[in-house]
Structures are given as structure tokens and as C-alpha cells.
Amino acid sequence: MKIKERERDGVVILEVSGKIMGGPDSELFTNTLKTLVHQGKKRVVVDLGGVSWVNSTGLGILISGYSTLKRSNGEMKLVNVSDRIDSIFMVTKLYSVFDSYKSEDEAIASFAVE
């Protein structure tokens, strides 16, 4: 897994690519989010467009990231979720946990509405 970080309109976009499968991925994702929270950046969009696979440990990584931000009064939204990963969210009922959007613009705009 690789993470590319950028900022747009006060929202941090994390472009994730590769497979999210645990091990070093967990540490990388968690440390990235903890660093953002420490910097006061609590509005995060995770772009999964480059992710080819998520296993059960990878789902745990996403849930942990979501919880890390929630505990810090932040929010994590998902964008560009593939049909394959979306079906995993449906089976595991995680679609009810994560706010997922088709475009980066929609995800960023959703922060302003709240």
C-alpha cells in the first residue's frame, strides 16, 4: 500500500494505492492519520481509486482510521470505491459506517454541509 497526501479546500486527500492487507499497511495508515490529527487536520477524504484489494485486516485498518478521526472530533470520508470493494462493504454492513462518494468534489462538499 502507498499513500499520497495532498490538501484541497481545507480537506486532506489521501490517495491510497495497491492492496490494503495489514502488517506495515496498518502502521503506515494509522501513523499518517495520527500525524494529521496532531497537525489539527481532521477532515480527511480517503481516495480508494487505486486500491485493487482489501482483505479483512485491511477493513480493520480503515475502521481504525475512522475511529482515530472520530475520537478527535474529525471525519473520514471515502471516494472512488470500486464495485469490488463496495460489495465487501455491503456484505460486512460497513456501508452504514463509511460515508462514500463517487467524486472528490462531492466528498469535499459534504464537509461544508454539516
C-alpha atoms as a PDB file:
ATOM      1  CA  MET A   1       0.000   0.000   0.000  1.00  0.00           C
ATOM      2  CA  LYS A   2       1.140   3.507  -0.806  1.00  0.00           C
ATOM      3  CA  ILE A   3      -0.337   6.803   0.397  1.00  0.00           C
ATOM      4  CA  LYS A   4      -0.007  10.106  -1.426  1.00  0.00           C
ATOM      5  CA  GLU A   5      -1.161  13.104   0.593  1.00  0.00           C
ATOM      6  CA  ARG A   6      -2.440  16.462  -0.640  1.00  0.00           C
ATOM      7  CA  GLU A   7      -4.764  19.181   0.585  1.00  0.00           C
ATOM      8  CA  ARG A   8      -7.705  20.885  -1.110  1.00  0.00           C
ATOM      9  CA  ASP A   9     -10.113  23.432   0.383  1.00  0.00           C
ATOM     10  CA  GLY A  10      -9.004  22.603   3.931  1.00  0.00           C
ATOM     11  CA  VAL A  11      -9.571  18.881   3.414  1.00  0.00           C
ATOM     12  CA  VAL A  12      -6.723  16.364   3.318  1.00  0.00           C
ATOM     13  CA  ILE A  13      -6.987  13.869   0.476  1.00  0.00           C
ATOM     14  CA  LEU A  14      -5.148  10.595   0.969  1.00  0.00           C
ATOM     15  CA  GLU A  15      -4.725   8.779  -2.337  1.00  0.00           C
ATOM     16  CA  VAL A  16      -4.265   5.141  -1.407  1.00  0.00           C
ATOM     17  CA  SER A  17      -2.974   2.627  -3.950  1.00  0.00           C
ATOM     18  CA  GLY A  18      -2.136  -1.065  -4.002  1.00  0.00           C
ATOM     19  CA  LYS A  19      -3.607  -3.627  -1.625  1.00  0.00           C
ATOM     20  CA  ILE A  20      -4.727  -2.890   1.944  1.00  0.00           C
ATOM     21  CA  MET A  21      -3.854  -6.096   3.745  1.00  0.00           C
ATOM     22  CA  GLY A  22      -2.399  -5.376   7.166  1.00  0.00           C
ATOM     23  CA  GLY A  23       1.121  -5.618   8.505  1.00  0.00           C
ATOM     24  CA  PRO A  24       3.090  -2.498   7.580  1.00  0.00           C
ATOM     25  CA  ASP A  25      -0.041  -1.064   5.913  1.00  0.00           C
ATOM     26  CA  SER A  26      -1.703  -0.716   9.305  1.00  0.00           C
ATOM     27  CA  GLU A  27       1.183   1.218  10.790  1.00  0.00           C
ATOM     28  CA  LEU A  28       1.510   3.477   7.733  1.00  0.00           C
ATOM     29  CA  PHE A  29      -2.196   4.380   7.636  1.00  0.00           C
ATOM     30  CA  THR A  30      -2.520   4.838  11.406  1.00  0.00           C
ATOM     31  CA  ASN A  31       0.622   6.971  11.664  1.00  0.00           C
ATOM     32  CA  THR A  32      -0.480   9.115   8.718  1.00  0.00           C
ATOM     33  CA  LEU A  33      -3.846   9.842  10.375  1.00  0.00           C
ATOM     34  CA  LYS A  34      -2.329  10.445  13.822  1.00  0.00           C
ATOM     35  CA  THR A  35       0.104  12.931  12.290  1.00  0.00           C
ATOM     36  CA  LEU A  36      -2.766  14.752  10.561  1.00  0.00           C
ATOM     37  CA  VAL A  37      -4.782  14.907  13.797  1.00  0.00           C
ATOM     38  CA  HIS A  38      -1.713  16.205  15.649  1.00  0.00           C
ATOM     39  CA  GLN A  39      -1.436  18.947  12.994  1.00  0.00           C
ATOM     40  CA  GLY A  40      -5.099  19.836  13.539  1.00  0.00           C
ATOM     41  CA  LYS A  41      -6.192  18.420  10.182  1.00  0.00           C
ATOM     42  CA  LYS A  42      -9.334  16.468  10.951  1.00  0.00           C
ATOM     43  CA  ARG A  43     -11.249  16.445   7.674  1.00  0.00           C
ATOM     44  CA  VAL A  44      -9.934  13.574   5.581  1.00  0.00           C
ATOM     45  CA  VAL A  45     -11.023  12.026   2.295  1.00  0.00           C
ATOM     46  CA  VAL A  46      -9.532   8.623   1.535  1.00  0.00           C
ATOM     47  CA  ASP A  47      -9.395   8.025  -2.220  1.00  0.00           C
ATOM     48  CA  LEU A  48      -9.565   4.271  -2.814  1.00  0.00           C
ATOM     49  CA  GLY A  49      -9.468   4.567  -6.618  1.00  0.00           C
ATOM     50  CA  GLY A  50      -6.005   2.994  -6.766  1.00  0.00           C
ATOM     51  CA  VAL A  51      -6.784   0.163  -4.350  1.00  0.00           C
ATOM     52  CA  SER A  52      -7.042  -3.240  -6.008  1.00  0.00           C
ATOM     53  CA  TRP A  53      -7.923  -5.321  -2.956  1.00  0.00           C
ATOM     54  CA  VAL A  54      -8.910  -5.051   0.710  1.00  0.00           C
ATOM     55  CA  ASN A  55      -8.905  -8.110   2.972  1.00  0.00           C
ATOM     56  CA  SER A  56     -10.452  -8.395   6.439  1.00  0.00           C
ATOM     57  CA  THR A  57      -7.355  -6.930   8.079  1.00  0.00           C
ATOM     58  CA  GLY A  58      -7.494  -4.071   5.575  1.00  0.00           C
ATOM     59  CA  LEU A  59     -11.095  -3.386   6.575  1.00  0.00           C
ATOM     60  CA  GLY A  60      -9.887  -3.232  10.169  1.00  0.00           C
ATOM     61  CA  ILE A  61      -7.292  -0.655   9.134  1.00  0.00           C
ATOM     62  CA  LEU A  62      -9.997   1.548   7.568  1.00  0.00           C
ATOM     63  CA  ILE A  63     -12.246   1.163  10.632  1.00  0.00           C
ATOM     64  CA  SER A  64      -9.349   2.024  12.934  1.00  0.00           C
ATOM     65  CA  GLY A  65      -8.615   5.145  10.877  1.00  0.00           C
ATOM     66  CA  TYR A  66     -12.259   6.141  11.008  1.00  0.00           C
ATOM     67  CA  SER A  67     -12.255   5.689  14.811  1.00  0.00           C
ATOM     68  CA  THR A  68      -9.000   7.632  15.227  1.00  0.00           C
ATOM     69  CA  LEU A  69     -10.534  10.640  13.488  1.00  0.00           C
ATOM     70  CA  LYS A  70     -13.912  10.313  15.234  1.00  0.00           C
ATOM     71  CA  ARG A  71     -12.247  10.297  18.681  1.00  0.00           C
ATOM     72  CA  SER A  72     -10.516  13.539  17.718  1.00  0.00           C
ATOM     73  CA  ASN A  73     -13.763  15.161  16.512  1.00  0.00           C
ATOM     74  CA  GLY A  74     -12.686  14.593  12.929  1.00  0.00           C
ATOM     75  CA  GLU A  75     -14.246  12.860   9.961  1.00  0.00           C
ATOM     76  CA  MET A  76     -13.145  10.411   7.313  1.00  0.00           C
ATOM     77  CA  LYS A  77     -14.990  10.026   4.017  1.00  0.00           C
ATOM     78  CA  LEU A  78     -14.285   7.610   1.181  1.00  0.00           C
ATOM     79  CA  VAL A  79     -14.210   8.306  -2.540  1.00  0.00           C
ATOM     80  CA  ASN A  80     -13.741   6.203  -5.677  1.00  0.00           C
ATOM     81  CA  VAL A  81     -14.685   2.925  -4.015  1.00  0.00           C
ATOM     82  CA  SER A  82     -14.542   0.165  -6.648  1.00  0.00           C
ATOM     83  CA  ASP A  83     -17.509  -2.142  -7.170  1.00  0.00           C
ATOM     84  CA  ARG A  84     -15.433  -4.991  -5.754  1.00  0.00           C
ATOM     85  CA  ILE A  85     -14.661  -3.150  -2.518  1.00  0.00           C
ATOM     86  CA  ASP A  86     -18.184  -1.728  -2.344  1.00  0.00           C
ATOM     87  CA  SER A  87     -19.563  -5.275  -2.418  1.00  0.00           C
ATOM     88  CA  ILE A  88     -17.303  -6.132   0.547  1.00  0.00           C
ATOM     89  CA  PHE A  89     -18.751  -3.107   2.385  1.00  0.00           C
ATOM     90  CA  MET A  90     -22.278  -4.364   1.589  1.00  0.00           C
ATOM     91  CA  VAL A  91     -21.619  -7.896   2.851  1.00  0.00           C
ATOM     92  CA  THR A  92     -19.952  -6.634   6.037  1.00  0.00           C
ATOM     93  CA  LYS A  93     -22.543  -3.850   6.516  1.00  0.00           C
ATOM     94  CA  LEU A  94     -19.718  -1.277   6.602  1.00  0.00           C
ATOM     95  CA  TYR A  95     -21.564   0.848   4.048  1.00  0.00           C
ATOM     96  CA  SER A  96     -23.546   2.075   7.074  1.00  0.00           C
ATOM     97  CA  VAL A  97     -20.323   3.217   8.796  1.00  0.00           C
ATOM     98  CA  PHE A  98     -18.470   4.946   5.985  1.00  0.00           C
ATOM     99  CA  ASP A  99     -19.712   7.931   4.005  1.00  0.00           C
ATOM    100  CA  SER A 100     -18.782   7.083   0.436  1.00  0.00           C
ATOM    101  CA  TYR A 101     -18.878   9.415  -2.581  1.00  0.00           C
ATOM    102  CA  LYS A 102     -18.419   8.995  -6.321  1.00  0.00           C
ATOM    103  CA  SER A 103     -16.255  12.095  -6.774  1.00  0.00           C
ATOM    104  CA  GLU A 104     -13.723  14.062  -4.799  1.00  0.00           C
ATOM    105  CA  ASP A 105     -15.818  17.214  -5.306  1.00  0.00           C
ATOM    106  CA  GLU A 106     -18.859  15.557  -3.683  1.00  0.00           C
ATOM    107  CA  ALA A 107     -16.788  14.290  -0.759  1.00  0.00           C
ATOM    108  CA  ILE A 108     -15.227  17.699  -0.096  1.00  0.00           C
ATOM    109  CA  ALA A 109     -18.594  19.466  -0.434  1.00  0.00           C
ATOM    110  CA  SER A 110     -20.117  17.085   2.116  1.00  0.00           C
ATOM    111  CA  PHE A 111     -17.919  18.587   4.862  1.00  0.00           C
ATOM    112  CA  ALA A 112     -19.367  22.065   4.254  1.00  0.00           C
ATOM    113  CA  VAL A 113     -22.948  20.836   4.590  1.00  0.00           C
ATOM    114  CA  GLU A 114     -22.511  19.512   8.101  1.00  0.00           C
END
